[in-house]
């Protein structure tokens, strides 16, 4: 990343990586990591 004019920057650390795109597998992975109820997963799928 080029230097920002004012010198501010945030380092973002991902908790987990799923790769590019949004698929059923990605939705299931995120739902599992967040410990969401089954009904919410079914709603999102």
N, C-alpha and C. Protein backbone atom coordinates (compact mmCIF):
# COMPACT_ATOMS: atom_id res chain seq x y z
N UNK A 1 0.85 -1.17 0.00
CA UNK A 1 0.00 0.00 0.00
C UNK A 1 0.89 1.23 0.00
N UNK A 2 0.62 2.18 -0.88
CA UNK A 2 1.42 3.41 -0.88
C UNK A 2 1.20 4.19 0.42
N UNK A 3 2.19 5.00 0.77
CA UNK A 3 2.07 5.79 2.00
C UNK A 3 0.87 6.72 1.90
N UNK A 4 0.10 6.73 2.96
CA UNK A 4 -1.07 7.59 3.06
C UNK A 4 -0.59 9.00 3.40
N UNK A 5 -1.21 9.98 2.83
CA UNK A 5 -0.78 11.37 2.96
C UNK A 5 -0.60 11.79 4.42
N UNK A 6 -1.49 11.35 5.31
CA UNK A 6 -1.45 11.80 6.69
C UNK A 6 -0.79 10.79 7.64
N UNK A 7 -0.39 9.65 7.12
CA UNK A 7 0.33 8.68 7.93
C UNK A 7 -0.52 7.75 8.77
N UNK A 8 -1.85 7.86 8.68
CA UNK A 8 -2.71 6.97 9.45
C UNK A 8 -2.95 5.68 8.68
N UNK A 9 -2.96 4.57 9.38
CA UNK A 9 -3.33 3.30 8.75
C UNK A 9 -3.70 2.30 9.84
N UNK A 10 -4.55 1.39 9.50
CA UNK A 10 -4.99 0.33 10.41
C UNK A 10 -4.55 -1.00 9.85
N UNK A 11 -4.02 -1.83 10.69
CA UNK A 11 -3.68 -3.19 10.28
C UNK A 11 -4.87 -4.07 10.64
N UNK A 12 -5.47 -4.69 9.63
CA UNK A 12 -6.63 -5.54 9.83
C UNK A 12 -6.17 -6.99 9.84
N UNK A 13 -6.53 -7.70 10.89
CA UNK A 13 -6.17 -9.10 11.01
C UNK A 13 -7.45 -9.94 10.89
N UNK A 14 -7.52 -10.77 9.87
CA UNK A 14 -8.69 -11.62 9.67
C UNK A 14 -8.72 -12.72 10.72
N UNK A 15 -9.91 -13.04 11.24
CA UNK A 15 -10.05 -14.13 12.20
C UNK A 15 -9.99 -15.48 11.51
N UNK A 16 -10.47 -15.53 10.27
CA UNK A 16 -10.36 -16.72 9.45
C UNK A 16 -10.53 -16.33 8.00
N UNK A 17 -10.06 -17.18 7.11
CA UNK A 17 -10.13 -16.88 5.68
C UNK A 17 -10.98 -17.93 4.99
N UNK A 18 -11.79 -17.48 4.02
CA UNK A 18 -12.65 -18.39 3.28
C UNK A 18 -12.36 -18.40 1.79
N UNK A 19 -11.50 -17.53 1.34
CA UNK A 19 -11.25 -17.43 -0.08
C UNK A 19 -12.20 -16.45 -0.72
N UNK A 20 -12.09 -16.29 -2.02
CA UNK A 20 -12.92 -15.31 -2.74
C UNK A 20 -14.29 -15.87 -3.04
N UNK A 21 -15.26 -14.97 -3.09
CA UNK A 21 -16.61 -15.36 -3.48
C UNK A 21 -17.47 -15.79 -2.30
N UNK A 22 -18.74 -15.92 -2.58
CA UNK A 22 -19.72 -16.32 -1.58
C UNK A 22 -20.42 -17.57 -2.09
N UNK A 23 -20.24 -18.66 -1.41
CA UNK A 23 -20.85 -19.92 -1.79
C UNK A 23 -21.57 -20.51 -0.58
N UNK A 24 -22.27 -21.59 -0.80
CA UNK A 24 -22.96 -22.26 0.31
C UNK A 24 -21.95 -22.71 1.36
N UNK A 25 -20.81 -23.20 0.93
CA UNK A 25 -19.78 -23.64 1.88
C UNK A 25 -19.27 -22.48 2.73
N UNK A 26 -19.11 -21.32 2.13
CA UNK A 26 -18.65 -20.14 2.87
C UNK A 26 -19.70 -19.71 3.89
N UNK A 27 -20.96 -19.70 3.48
CA UNK A 27 -22.05 -19.33 4.39
C UNK A 27 -22.09 -20.30 5.57
N UNK A 28 -21.95 -21.58 5.30
CA UNK A 28 -21.95 -22.59 6.37
C UNK A 28 -20.75 -22.39 7.31
N UNK A 29 -19.59 -22.10 6.76
CA UNK A 29 -18.39 -21.89 7.58
C UNK A 29 -18.57 -20.69 8.50
N UNK A 30 -19.05 -19.59 7.96
CA UNK A 30 -19.26 -18.38 8.77
C UNK A 30 -20.30 -18.64 9.85
N UNK A 31 -21.38 -19.31 9.49
CA UNK A 31 -22.44 -19.61 10.45
C UNK A 31 -21.92 -20.48 11.59
N UNK A 32 -21.10 -21.46 11.26
CA UNK A 32 -20.51 -22.33 12.27
C UNK A 32 -19.58 -21.55 13.19
N UNK A 33 -18.72 -20.73 12.61
CA UNK A 33 -17.79 -19.92 13.41
C UNK A 33 -18.53 -18.99 14.36
N UNK A 34 -19.67 -18.46 13.92
CA UNK A 34 -20.44 -17.53 14.74
C UNK A 34 -21.39 -18.25 15.70
N UNK A 35 -21.45 -19.57 15.60
CA UNK A 35 -22.33 -20.40 16.44
C UNK A 35 -23.79 -19.93 16.35
N UNK A 36 -24.23 -19.73 15.12
CA UNK A 36 -25.59 -19.27 14.89
C UNK A 36 -26.58 -20.43 14.98
N UNK A 37 -27.83 -20.13 15.30
CA UNK A 37 -28.84 -21.19 15.33
C UNK A 37 -29.12 -21.73 13.92
N UNK A 38 -29.57 -22.96 13.88
CA UNK A 38 -29.82 -23.66 12.61
C UNK A 38 -30.82 -22.90 11.73
N UNK A 39 -31.87 -22.32 12.34
CA UNK A 39 -32.89 -21.62 11.55
C UNK A 39 -32.30 -20.44 10.79
N UNK A 40 -31.30 -19.79 11.38
CA UNK A 40 -30.68 -18.64 10.72
C UNK A 40 -29.85 -19.09 9.51
N UNK A 41 -29.15 -20.20 9.68
CA UNK A 41 -28.39 -20.76 8.55
C UNK A 41 -29.34 -21.12 7.42
N UNK A 42 -30.43 -21.80 7.73
CA UNK A 42 -31.40 -22.19 6.70
C UNK A 42 -31.99 -20.95 6.01
N UNK A 43 -32.23 -19.90 6.76
CA UNK A 43 -32.76 -18.66 6.19
C UNK A 43 -31.77 -18.06 5.20
N UNK A 44 -30.50 -18.08 5.55
CA UNK A 44 -29.47 -17.49 4.68
C UNK A 44 -29.20 -18.31 3.44
N UNK A 45 -29.39 -19.60 3.54
CA UNK A 45 -29.17 -20.45 2.37
C UNK A 45 -30.33 -20.32 1.40
